[in-house]
Protein backbone atom coordinates (compact mmCIF):
# COMPACT_ATOMS: atom_id res chain seq x y z
CA UNK A 1 -5.36 0.93 12.91
CA UNK A 2 -6.06 2.88 9.76
CA UNK A 3 -6.66 1.08 6.46
CA UNK A 4 -5.02 2.22 3.22
CA UNK A 5 -5.46 1.23 -0.42
CA UNK A 6 -2.16 1.52 -2.26
CA UNK A 7 -2.32 1.71 -6.06
CA UNK A 8 1.00 0.85 -7.65
CA UNK A 9 2.57 1.20 -11.07
CA UNK A 10 5.80 -0.44 -12.07
CA UNK A 11 8.65 1.83 -13.05
CA UNK A 12 10.79 0.93 -16.07
CA UNK A 13 13.06 -0.93 -13.65
CA UNK A 14 10.09 -2.77 -12.11
CA UNK A 15 8.57 -3.92 -15.40
CA UNK A 16 11.93 -5.16 -16.69
CA UNK A 17 11.99 -7.64 -13.78
CA UNK A 18 8.25 -8.27 -13.40
CA UNK A 19 8.86 -11.97 -12.73
CA UNK A 20 10.54 -10.96 -9.46
CA UNK A 21 7.43 -9.11 -8.30
CA UNK A 22 6.14 -11.91 -6.01
CA UNK A 23 9.48 -12.17 -4.17
CA UNK A 24 9.68 -8.36 -3.97
CA UNK A 25 6.18 -8.39 -2.47
CA UNK A 26 7.33 -10.84 0.21
CA UNK A 27 10.33 -8.67 1.02
CA UNK A 28 8.13 -5.56 1.05
CA UNK A 29 5.69 -7.22 3.45
CA UNK A 30 8.56 -7.96 5.84
CA UNK A 31 9.97 -4.43 5.62
CA UNK A 32 6.56 -2.86 6.18
CA UNK A 33 5.97 -5.10 9.19
CA UNK A 34 9.17 -3.78 10.78
CA UNK A 35 7.52 -0.34 10.77
CA UNK A 36 4.20 -1.61 12.12
CA UNK A 37 2.35 -1.81 8.78
CA UNK A 38 0.40 -4.94 7.93
CA UNK A 39 -0.01 -5.81 4.25
CA UNK A 40 -3.40 -7.52 4.36
CA UNK A 41 -3.78 -8.31 0.67
CA UNK A 42 -1.93 -7.84 -2.59
CA UNK A 43 -3.40 -8.10 -6.09
CA UNK A 44 -1.66 -7.95 -9.44
CA UNK A 45 -4.13 -6.17 -11.71
CA UNK A 46 -4.95 -5.34 -15.30
CA UNK A 47 -5.85 -1.74 -16.11
CA UNK A 48 -4.40 1.60 -15.05
CA UNK A 49 -2.56 0.08 -12.04
CA UNK A 50 -0.23 -2.91 -11.95
CA UNK A 51 -0.57 -3.85 -8.28
CA UNK A 52 -3.03 -3.00 -5.50
CA UNK A 53 -2.27 -3.40 -1.79
CA UNK A 54 -4.59 -3.28 1.19
CA UNK A 55 -2.65 -2.28 4.31
CA UNK A 56 -3.26 -1.42 7.94
CA UNK A 57 -1.03 1.11 9.68
CA UNK A 58 -1.20 2.79 13.07
CA UNK A 59 -1.29 6.25 11.44
CA UNK A 60 -0.69 8.03 8.12
CA UNK A 61 2.88 8.94 9.04
CA UNK A 62 3.82 5.29 9.53
CA UNK A 63 2.21 4.37 6.22
CA UNK A 64 4.07 7.18 4.47
CA UNK A 65 7.38 5.99 5.93
CA UNK A 66 6.76 2.45 4.72
CA UNK A 67 5.87 3.66 1.23
CA UNK A 68 8.94 5.86 1.07
CA UNK A 69 11.09 2.81 1.79
CA UNK A 70 9.19 0.80 -0.79
CA UNK A 71 9.49 3.51 -3.44
CA UNK A 72 13.18 4.03 -2.75
CA UNK A 73 13.86 0.54 -4.14
CA UNK A 74 12.92 1.98 -7.53
CA UNK A 75 10.47 -0.67 -8.75
CA UNK A 76 7.13 1.07 -8.16
CA UNK A 77 5.41 4.41 -7.81
CA UNK A 78 2.43 4.62 -5.49
CA UNK A 79 -0.85 6.45 -5.05
CA UNK A 80 -2.39 5.95 -1.63
CA UNK A 81 -5.96 6.25 -0.40
CA UNK A 82 -7.17 6.24 3.19
CA UNK A 83 -10.04 3.76 3.41
CA UNK A 84 -12.76 3.80 6.07
CA UNK A 85 -14.73 0.84 7.38
CA UNK A 86 -18.48 1.20 7.77
CA UNK A 87 -18.09 1.92 11.48
CA UNK A 88 -15.38 4.51 10.88
CA UNK A 89 -17.45 6.22 8.21
CA UNK A 90 -20.46 6.31 10.54
CA UNK A 91 -18.33 8.23 13.06
CA UNK A 92 -17.04 10.57 10.35
CA UNK A 93 -20.57 11.26 9.11
CA UNK A 94 -21.81 11.89 12.64
CA UNK A 95 -19.12 14.50 13.19
CA UNK A 96 -20.09 16.22 9.93
CA UNK A 97 -23.64 16.86 11.08
């Protein structure tokens, strides 16, 4: 499984109903799971992003599909980062030599 950090900002629609964010997160977790994506953690944050997710997905295409579904609801926009564990990074660094 690949790990992804998803940085989220509320849209105008999303901020207008911010109090529904926890229930939307639950629904999003269920929808992502249907595609094989596991939402490991969610954090509501202060700063340039409103919400941060940590997710595992079998591949980038699956993660992209889940985020397209999430974004289509109109409450958030996302920026996604592929994250590497120490062991994964060790393999990446070895290949770069």
